[in-house]
Amino acid sequence: MINAIQTATKFTVVYVKDWMARAASLREFEQIAPEDRARTLRDWNLTPFEFGSAMQQAFASQDLLSGAMRALNLEQGQLSSRHAAWYQDMQRSCVTCPHRSRCQHELMTSGFASNYRNFCANHANFAEILTDSRKTPQGASLAA
């Protein structure tokens, strides 16, 4: 019971801090010149609507993809350099995912690796990377 209360309290604190960070990020983004905002959204492969929707999601200001890859023992640097377009698609899926609160909770409680298949927008990508890493000769794998 006490562990559940501690976990809930910790998650609440993290959620409030995230809300404040999202608000600050939005203010900062709105202060950028319109042409720079448009270029940034193109770089992120997001429409203005998708960006606005994503920023309304909990934990939009956090890089949950990196945490997910660490939880699955995947080498983020190798994936982003060897398969830049694939990695960019994974980032986009993560940023626009409606399950960011659950993802954050699973990462905080070390349950991501066991449960991501049930909610993660990138679960098929992770499965493919993990399958490929088992087939790839040692040293060339994307698994850490």
C-alpha atoms as a PDB file:
ATOM      1  CA  MET A   1       0.000   0.000   0.000  1.00  0.00           C
ATOM      2  CA  ILE A   2       2.776   2.441   0.898  1.00  0.00           C
ATOM      3  CA  ASN A   3       4.645   1.564  -2.332  1.00  0.00           C
ATOM      4  CA  ALA A   4       1.499   2.314  -4.341  1.00  0.00           C
ATOM      5  CA  ILE A   5       1.115   5.687  -2.619  1.00  0.00           C
ATOM      6  CA  GLN A   6       4.786   6.516  -3.185  1.00  0.00           C
ATOM      7  CA  THR A   7       4.537   5.547  -6.861  1.00  0.00           C
ATOM      8  CA  ALA A   8       1.358   7.606  -7.313  1.00  0.00           C
ATOM      9  CA  THR A   9       2.920  10.599  -5.575  1.00  0.00           C
ATOM     10  CA  LYS A  10       6.088  10.355  -7.641  1.00  0.00           C
ATOM     11  CA  PHE A  11       4.074  10.074 -10.852  1.00  0.00           C
ATOM     12  CA  THR A  12       1.955  13.101  -9.876  1.00  0.00           C
ATOM     13  CA  VAL A  13       5.056  15.205  -9.243  1.00  0.00           C
ATOM     14  CA  VAL A  14       6.531  14.116 -12.579  1.00  0.00           C
ATOM     15  CA  TYR A  15       3.221  14.888 -14.322  1.00  0.00           C
ATOM     16  CA  VAL A  16       3.029  18.422 -12.871  1.00  0.00           C
ATOM     17  CA  LYS A  17       6.659  19.111 -13.799  1.00  0.00           C
ATOM     18  CA  ASP A  18       5.916  17.863 -17.301  1.00  0.00           C
ATOM     19  CA  TRP A  19       2.871  20.124 -17.592  1.00  0.00           C
ATOM     20  CA  MET A  20       5.065  23.092 -16.680  1.00  0.00           C
ATOM     21  CA  ALA A  21       7.760  22.023 -19.161  1.00  0.00           C
ATOM     22  CA  ARG A  22       5.181  21.611 -21.953  1.00  0.00           C
ATOM     23  CA  ALA A  23       3.819  25.099 -21.285  1.00  0.00           C
ATOM     24  CA  ALA A  24       7.347  26.554 -21.355  1.00  0.00           C
ATOM     25  CA  SER A  25       8.170  24.676 -24.569  1.00  0.00           C
ATOM     26  CA  LEU A  26       5.027  25.950 -26.259  1.00  0.00           C
ATOM     27  CA  ARG A  27       5.772  29.535 -25.218  1.00  0.00           C
ATOM     28  CA  GLU A  28       9.316  29.214 -26.517  1.00  0.00           C
ATOM     29  CA  PHE A  29       8.157  27.654 -29.797  1.00  0.00           C
ATOM     30  CA  GLU A  30       5.580  30.411 -30.334  1.00  0.00           C
ATOM     31  CA  GLN A  31       8.315  33.051 -29.970  1.00  0.00           C
ATOM     32  CA  ILE A  32      10.287  31.607 -32.881  1.00  0.00           C
ATOM     33  CA  ALA A  33       9.881  33.369 -36.218  1.00  0.00           C
ATOM     34  CA  PRO A  34       7.115  31.779 -38.347  1.00  0.00           C
ATOM     35  CA  GLU A  35       9.541  30.599 -41.063  1.00  0.00           C
ATOM     36  CA  ASP A  36      11.754  28.954 -38.427  1.00  0.00           C
ATOM     37  CA  ARG A  37       8.719  27.256 -36.864  1.00  0.00           C
ATOM     38  CA  ALA A  38       7.686  25.930 -40.285  1.00  0.00           C
ATOM     39  CA  ARG A  39      11.210  24.636 -40.971  1.00  0.00           C
ATOM     40  CA  THR A  40      11.379  22.978 -37.554  1.00  0.00           C
ATOM     41  CA  LEU A  41       8.050  21.235 -38.106  1.00  0.00           C
ATOM     42  CA  ARG A  42       9.230  20.056 -41.548  1.00  0.00           C
ATOM     43  CA  ASP A  43      12.405  18.688 -39.928  1.00  0.00           C
ATOM     44  CA  TRP A  44      10.279  16.856 -37.385  1.00  0.00           C
ATOM     45  CA  ASN A  45       7.923  15.687 -40.145  1.00  0.00           C
ATOM     46  CA  LEU A  46       4.928  17.117 -38.260  1.00  0.00           C
ATOM     47  CA  THR A  47       2.064  19.305 -39.376  1.00  0.00           C
ATOM     48  CA  PRO A  48       1.157  22.259 -37.139  1.00  0.00           C
ATOM     49  CA  PHE A  49      -1.992  20.360 -36.098  1.00  0.00           C
ATOM     50  CA  GLU A  50       0.016  17.242 -35.172  1.00  0.00           C
ATOM     51  CA  PHE A  51       2.475  19.343 -33.192  1.00  0.00           C
ATOM     52  CA  GLY A  52      -0.342  21.088 -31.311  1.00  0.00           C
ATOM     53  CA  SER A  53      -2.042  17.775 -30.576  1.00  0.00           C
ATOM     54  CA  ALA A  54       1.223  16.190 -29.478  1.00  0.00           C
ATOM     55  CA  MET A  55       1.974  19.058 -27.117  1.00  0.00           C
ATOM     56  CA  GLN A  56      -1.389  18.501 -25.434  1.00  0.00           C
ATOM     57  CA  GLN A  57      -0.353  14.929 -24.617  1.00  0.00           C
ATOM     58  CA  ALA A  58       1.246  14.249 -21.288  1.00  0.00           C
ATOM     59  CA  PHE A  59       5.024  14.032 -21.337  1.00  0.00           C
ATOM     60  CA  ALA A  60       5.282  15.643 -24.771  1.00  0.00           C
ATOM     61  CA  SER A  61       8.369  17.487 -23.594  1.00  0.00           C
ATOM     62  CA  GLN A  62      10.190  14.254 -22.733  1.00  0.00           C
ATOM     63  CA  ASP A  63      12.167  11.953 -24.999  1.00  0.00           C
ATOM     64  CA  LEU A  64      10.404   8.703 -24.177  1.00  0.00           C
ATOM     65  CA  LEU A  65      11.839   6.918 -27.222  1.00  0.00           C
ATOM     66  CA  SER A  66      15.336   7.043 -25.725  1.00  0.00           C
ATOM     67  CA  GLY A  67      14.042   5.594 -22.459  1.00  0.00           C
ATOM     68  CA  ALA A  68      12.155   2.880 -24.323  1.00  0.00           C
ATOM     69  CA  MET A  69      15.248   1.931 -26.288  1.00  0.00           C
ATOM     70  CA  ARG A  70      17.332   1.794 -23.093  1.00  0.00           C
ATOM     71  CA  ALA A  71      14.676  -0.399 -21.462  1.00  0.00           C
ATOM     72  CA  LEU A  72      14.928  -2.798 -24.415  1.00  0.00           C
ATOM     73  CA  ASN A  73      18.750  -2.659 -24.488  1.00  0.00           C
ATOM     74  CA  LEU A  74      18.807  -1.161 -27.982  1.00  0.00           C
ATOM     75  CA  GLU A  75      21.593   1.082 -29.248  1.00  0.00           C
ATOM     76  CA  GLN A  76      19.918   4.359 -30.167  1.00  0.00           C
ATOM     77  CA  GLY A  77      23.003   5.923 -31.745  1.00  0.00           C
ATOM     78  CA  GLN A  78      23.493   3.079 -34.194  1.00  0.00           C
ATOM     79  CA  LEU A  79      19.835   3.055 -35.216  1.00  0.00           C
ATOM     80  CA  SER A  80      19.671   6.817 -35.719  1.00  0.00           C
ATOM     81  CA  SER A  81      22.863   6.846 -37.815  1.00  0.00           C
ATOM     82  CA  ARG A  82      22.326   3.637 -39.834  1.00  0.00           C
ATOM     83  CA  HIS A  83      18.587   4.024 -40.390  1.00  0.00           C
ATOM     84  CA  ALA A  84      17.914   7.761 -40.100  1.00  0.00           C
ATOM     85  CA  ALA A  85      14.529   7.732 -41.885  1.00  0.00           C
ATOM     86  CA  TRP A  86      13.294   4.753 -39.865  1.00  0.00           C
ATOM     87  CA  TYR A  87      14.430   6.374 -36.636  1.00  0.00           C
ATOM     88  CA  GLN A  88      12.724   9.646 -37.613  1.00  0.00           C
ATOM     89  CA  ASP A  89       9.470   7.736 -38.226  1.00  0.00           C
ATOM     90  CA  MET A  90       9.817   6.123 -34.808  1.00  0.00           C
ATOM     91  CA  GLN A  91      10.342   9.543 -33.203  1.00  0.00           C
ATOM     92  CA  ARG A  92       7.254  10.872 -34.955  1.00  0.00           C
ATOM     93  CA  SER A  93       5.183   7.884 -33.804  1.00  0.00           C
ATOM     94  CA  CYS A  94       6.401   8.396 -30.257  1.00  0.00           C
ATOM     95  CA  VAL A  95       5.740  12.147 -30.189  1.00  0.00           C
ATOM     96  CA  THR A  96       2.194  11.747 -31.499  1.00  0.00           C
ATOM     97  CA  CYS A  97       1.361   8.642 -29.433  1.00  0.00           C
ATOM     98  CA  PRO A  98      -1.752   8.895 -27.248  1.00  0.00           C
ATOM     99  CA  HIS A  99      -0.226   6.507 -24.685  1.00  0.00           C
ATOM    100  CA  ARG A 100       2.622   8.728 -23.461  1.00  0.00           C
ATOM    101  CA  SER A 101       1.356   8.728 -19.859  1.00  0.00           C
ATOM    102  CA  ARG A 102       1.341   4.955 -19.762  1.00  0.00           C
ATOM    103  CA  CYS A 103       4.746   4.839 -21.397  1.00  0.00           C
ATOM    104  CA  GLN A 104       6.194   7.239 -18.826  1.00  0.00           C
ATOM    105  CA  HIS A 105       4.662   5.187 -16.011  1.00  0.00           C
ATOM    106  CA  GLU A 106       6.035   1.912 -17.418  1.00  0.00           C
ATOM    107  CA  LEU A 107       9.491   3.468 -17.814  1.00  0.00           C
ATOM    108  CA  MET A 108       9.383   4.831 -14.242  1.00  0.00           C
ATOM    109  CA  THR A 109       8.358   1.479 -12.787  1.00  0.00           C
ATOM    110  CA  SER A 110      10.693  -0.626 -14.983  1.00  0.00           C
ATOM    111  CA  GLY A 111       7.736  -2.356 -16.615  1.00  0.00           C
ATOM    112  CA  PHE A 112       8.247  -1.095 -20.167  1.00  0.00           C
ATOM    113  CA  ALA A 113      10.138  -4.122 -21.524  1.00  0.00           C
ATOM    114  CA  SER A 114       7.403  -6.463 -20.285  1.00  0.00           C
ATOM    115  CA  ASN A 115       4.392  -4.401 -21.326  1.00  0.00           C
ATOM    116  CA  TYR A 116       5.229  -2.221 -24.345  1.00  0.00           C
ATOM    117  CA  ARG A 117       3.594  -4.636 -26.816  1.00  0.00           C
ATOM    118  CA  ASN A 118       0.221  -3.761 -25.270  1.00  0.00           C
ATOM    119  CA  PHE A 119       0.324  -0.003 -25.935  1.00  0.00           C
ATOM    120  CA  CYS A 120       3.445   1.273 -27.717  1.00  0.00           C
ATOM    121  CA  ALA A 121       3.021   2.740 -31.198  1.00  0.00           C
ATOM    122  CA  ASN A 122       6.539   1.497 -32.007  1.00  0.00           C
ATOM    123  CA  HIS A 123       6.067  -2.074 -30.774  1.00  0.00           C
ATOM    124  CA  ALA A 124       6.351  -3.524 -34.305  1.00  0.00           C
ATOM    125  CA  ASN A 125       9.510  -1.491 -34.965  1.00  0.00           C
ATOM    126  CA  PHE A 126      11.049  -2.682 -31.706  1.00  0.00           C
ATOM    127  CA  ALA A 127      10.130  -6.281 -32.546  1.00  0.00           C
ATOM    128  CA  GLU A 128      11.813  -5.949 -35.946  1.00  0.00           C
ATOM    129  CA  ILE A 129      14.952  -4.395 -34.460  1.00  0.00           C
ATOM    130  CA  LEU A 130      15.140  -7.070 -31.776  1.00  0.00           C
ATOM    131  CA  THR A 131      14.614  -9.841 -34.357  1.00  0.00           C
ATOM    132  CA  ASP A 132      17.254  -8.359 -36.667  1.00  0.00           C
ATOM    133  CA  SER A 133      19.709  -8.005 -33.795  1.00  0.00           C
ATOM    134  CA  ARG A 134      19.435 -11.741 -33.138  1.00  0.00           C
ATOM    135  CA  LYS A 135      20.171 -12.510 -36.827  1.00  0.00           C
ATOM    136  CA  THR A 136      22.991  -9.978 -37.232  1.00  0.00           C
ATOM    137  CA  PRO A 137      26.572 -11.102 -36.572  1.00  0.00           C
ATOM    138  CA  GLN A 138      27.928  -9.885 -33.246  1.00  0.00           C
ATOM    139  CA  GLY A 139      29.390  -6.408 -33.427  1.00  0.00           C
ATOM    140  CA  ALA A 140      26.914  -5.238 -36.083  1.00  0.00           C
ATOM    141  CA  SER A 141      23.839  -5.448 -33.887  1.00  0.00           C
ATOM    142  CA  LEU A 142      21.576  -2.590 -32.848  1.00  0.00           C
ATOM    143  CA  ALA A 143      21.126  -4.238 -29.465  1.00  0.00           C
ATOM    144  CA  ALA A 144      23.363  -2.877 -26.739  1.00  0.00           C
END
